[in-house]
C-alpha atoms as a PDB file:
ATOM      1  CA  UNK A   1    -116.642  98.448 213.350  1.00  0.00           C
ATOM      2  CA  UNK A   2    -118.303  96.761 216.505  1.00  0.00           C
ATOM      3  CA  UNK A   3    -116.072  98.248 219.218  1.00  0.00           C
ATOM      4  CA  UNK A   4    -118.290 101.530 219.408  1.00  0.00           C
ATOM      5  CA  UNK A   5    -121.370  99.051 220.060  1.00  0.00           C
ATOM      6  CA  UNK A   6    -119.697  96.466 222.879  1.00  0.00           C
ATOM      7  CA  UNK A   7    -117.991  99.294 224.168  1.00  0.00           C
ATOM      8  CA  UNK A   8    -121.473 101.175 224.499  1.00  0.00           C
ATOM      9  CA  UNK A   9    -123.145  98.014 225.961  1.00  0.00           C
ATOM     10  CA  UNK A  10    -120.310  97.376 228.507  1.00  0.00           C
ATOM     11  CA  UNK A  11    -119.965 101.065 229.637  1.00  0.00           C
ATOM     12  CA  UNK A  12    -123.829 100.850 230.184  1.00  0.00           C
ATOM     13  CA  UNK A  13    -123.224  97.612 232.449  1.00  0.00           C
ATOM     14  CA  UNK A  14    -120.221  99.448 234.464  1.00  0.00           C
ATOM     15  CA  UNK A  15    -122.916 102.329 234.916  1.00  0.00           C
ATOM     16  CA  UNK A  16    -125.551 100.270 236.416  1.00  0.00           C
ATOM     17  CA  UNK A  17    -122.939  98.760 238.589  1.00  0.00           C
ATOM     18  CA  UNK A  18    -121.874 102.356 239.808  1.00  0.00           C
ATOM     19  CA  UNK A  19    -118.397 101.294 238.128  1.00  0.00           C
ATOM     20  CA  UNK A  20    -118.251 104.894 236.712  1.00  0.00           C
ATOM     21  CA  UNK A  21    -114.131 104.819 237.106  1.00  0.00           C
ATOM     22  CA  UNK A  22    -114.386 101.753 234.864  1.00  0.00           C
ATOM     23  CA  UNK A  23    -116.138 102.721 231.822  1.00  0.00           C
ATOM     24  CA  UNK A  24    -114.090 106.020 231.809  1.00  0.00           C
ATOM     25  CA  UNK A  25    -110.802 103.173 231.898  1.00  0.00           C
ATOM     26  CA  UNK A  26    -112.808 101.710 229.273  1.00  0.00           C
ATOM     27  CA  UNK A  27    -113.855 104.337 226.845  1.00  0.00           C
ATOM     28  CA  UNK A  28    -109.573 105.486 227.580  1.00  0.00           C
ATOM     29  CA  UNK A  29    -108.351 102.422 226.490  1.00  0.00           C
ATOM     30  CA  UNK A  30    -110.399 102.200 223.576  1.00  0.00           C
ATOM     31  CA  UNK A  31    -110.172 106.110 222.214  1.00  0.00           C
ATOM     32  CA  UNK A  32    -113.598 106.672 222.039  1.00  0.00           C
ATOM     33  CA  UNK A  33    -113.893 109.506 224.827  1.00  0.00           C
ATOM     34  CA  UNK A  34    -113.220 112.520 222.196  1.00  0.00           C
ATOM     35  CA  UNK A  35    -114.961 113.108 219.209  1.00  0.00           C
ATOM     36  CA  UNK A  36    -116.709 110.326 217.449  1.00  0.00           C
ATOM     37  CA  UNK A  37    -117.172 109.760 213.580  1.00  0.00           C
ATOM     38  CA  UNK A  38    -120.872 110.511 212.210  1.00  0.00           C
ATOM     39  CA  UNK A  39    -121.645 106.590 211.822  1.00  0.00           C
ATOM     40  CA  UNK A  40    -124.429 104.373 212.978  1.00  0.00           C
ATOM     41  CA  UNK A  41    -122.147 102.365 215.324  1.00  0.00           C
ATOM     42  CA  UNK A  42    -120.999 105.131 217.277  1.00  0.00           C
ATOM     43  CA  UNK A  43    -124.671 106.579 218.534  1.00  0.00           C
ATOM     44  CA  UNK A  44    -125.633 104.200 221.135  1.00  0.00           C
ATOM     45  CA  UNK A  45    -121.849 104.843 222.322  1.00  0.00           C
ATOM     46  CA  UNK A  46    -122.639 108.432 222.155  1.00  0.00           C
ATOM     47  CA  UNK A  47    -126.326 107.785 224.429  1.00  0.00           C
ATOM     48  CA  UNK A  48    -124.219 105.909 226.883  1.00  0.00           C
ATOM     49  CA  UNK A  49    -121.438 108.337 227.149  1.00  0.00           C
ATOM     50  CA  UNK A  50    -123.838 110.566 228.428  1.00  0.00           C
ATOM     51  CA  UNK A  51    -125.694 108.865 231.128  1.00  0.00           C
ATOM     52  CA  UNK A  52    -121.994 108.216 232.025  1.00  0.00           C
ATOM     53  CA  UNK A  53    -121.355 112.164 231.978  1.00  0.00           C
ATOM     54  CA  UNK A  54    -124.413 111.921 234.204  1.00  0.00           C
ATOM     55  CA  UNK A  55    -123.294 109.672 236.897  1.00  0.00           C
ATOM     56  CA  UNK A  56    -120.330 110.802 236.972  1.00  0.00           C
ATOM     57  CA  UNK A  57    -121.847 114.659 237.788  1.00  0.00           C
ATOM     58  CA  UNK A  58    -120.832 115.977 234.793  1.00  0.00           C
ATOM     59  CA  UNK A  59    -123.665 117.833 233.921  1.00  0.00           C
ATOM     60  CA  UNK A  60    -122.623 119.602 230.797  1.00  0.00           C
ATOM     61  CA  UNK A  61    -120.458 116.789 229.543  1.00  0.00           C
ATOM     62  CA  UNK A  62    -123.977 114.925 229.892  1.00  0.00           C
ATOM     63  CA  UNK A  63    -125.514 117.651 227.748  1.00  0.00           C
ATOM     64  CA  UNK A  64    -123.678 118.265 224.940  1.00  0.00           C
ATOM     65  CA  UNK A  65    -122.980 114.135 224.188  1.00  0.00           C
ATOM     66  CA  UNK A  66    -126.941 113.582 224.977  1.00  0.00           C
ATOM     67  CA  UNK A  67    -128.109 116.589 222.411  1.00  0.00           C
ATOM     68  CA  UNK A  68    -125.280 114.822 219.986  1.00  0.00           C
ATOM     69  CA  UNK A  69    -126.883 111.609 220.174  1.00  0.00           C
ATOM     70  CA  UNK A  70    -130.878 113.373 218.971  1.00  0.00           C
ATOM     71  CA  UNK A  71    -129.146 115.228 216.478  1.00  0.00           C
ATOM     72  CA  UNK A  72    -127.466 112.077 215.043  1.00  0.00           C
ATOM     73  CA  UNK A  73    -131.000 109.662 215.504  1.00  0.00           C
ATOM     74  CA  UNK A  74    -132.213 112.301 213.224  1.00  0.00           C
ATOM     75  CA  UNK A  75    -129.628 113.105 211.059  1.00  0.00           C
ATOM     76  CA  UNK A  76    -128.556 109.084 210.293  1.00  0.00           C
ATOM     77  CA  UNK A  77    -132.883 108.971 209.523  1.00  0.00           C
ATOM     78  CA  UNK A  78    -133.044 106.480 212.553  1.00  0.00           C
ATOM     79  CA  UNK A  79    -137.142 106.188 213.184  1.00  0.00           C
ATOM     80  CA  UNK A  80    -138.185 104.796 216.492  1.00  0.00           C
ATOM     81  CA  UNK A  81    -141.997 103.546 216.810  1.00  0.00           C
ATOM     82  CA  UNK A  82    -142.343 105.974 219.321  1.00  0.00           C
ATOM     83  CA  UNK A  83    -139.746 108.560 219.870  1.00  0.00           C
ATOM     84  CA  UNK A  84    -138.432 111.728 217.397  1.00  0.00           C
ATOM     85  CA  UNK A  85    -134.791 111.068 218.629  1.00  0.00           C
ATOM     86  CA  UNK A  86    -135.900 114.464 220.769  1.00  0.00           C
ATOM     87  CA  UNK A  87    -137.247 111.982 223.557  1.00  0.00           C
ATOM     88  CA  UNK A  88    -133.940 110.073 224.023  1.00  0.00           C
ATOM     89  CA  UNK A  89    -132.474 113.461 224.862  1.00  0.00           C
ATOM     90  CA  UNK A  90    -135.130 114.687 226.911  1.00  0.00           C
ATOM     91  CA  UNK A  91    -135.297 110.978 228.920  1.00  0.00           C
ATOM     92  CA  UNK A  92    -131.567 111.105 230.009  1.00  0.00           C
ATOM     93  CA  UNK A  93    -130.604 114.730 230.700  1.00  0.00           C
ATOM     94  CA  UNK A  94    -130.034 115.726 233.980  1.00  0.00           C
ATOM     95  CA  UNK A  95    -133.735 117.074 235.490  1.00  0.00           C
ATOM     96  CA  UNK A  96    -132.604 120.943 234.814  1.00  0.00           C
ATOM     97  CA  UNK A  97    -131.640 120.719 231.564  1.00  0.00           C
ATOM     98  CA  UNK A  98    -134.921 119.013 230.322  1.00  0.00           C
END
């Protein structure tokens, strides 16, 4: 079940290289561009997918995935030293949705 995690890292790297087409193609090839199961390994991918939507100008898709990321973090009980899960959402949301 490492595919979602490795795909998340690859998606983030492709976003940094401005290769959003490559990132979208990788998500499609792995079958990870639709609904994701509620398990920990898909949470980083959901965050990366939200960032990809932002980079592509798909703000409604970004809001959906980023809000879902924060909800998953809270639901799965992940604790971060300085975040409450909602901070993840706000940090990556397009500015008009913060």
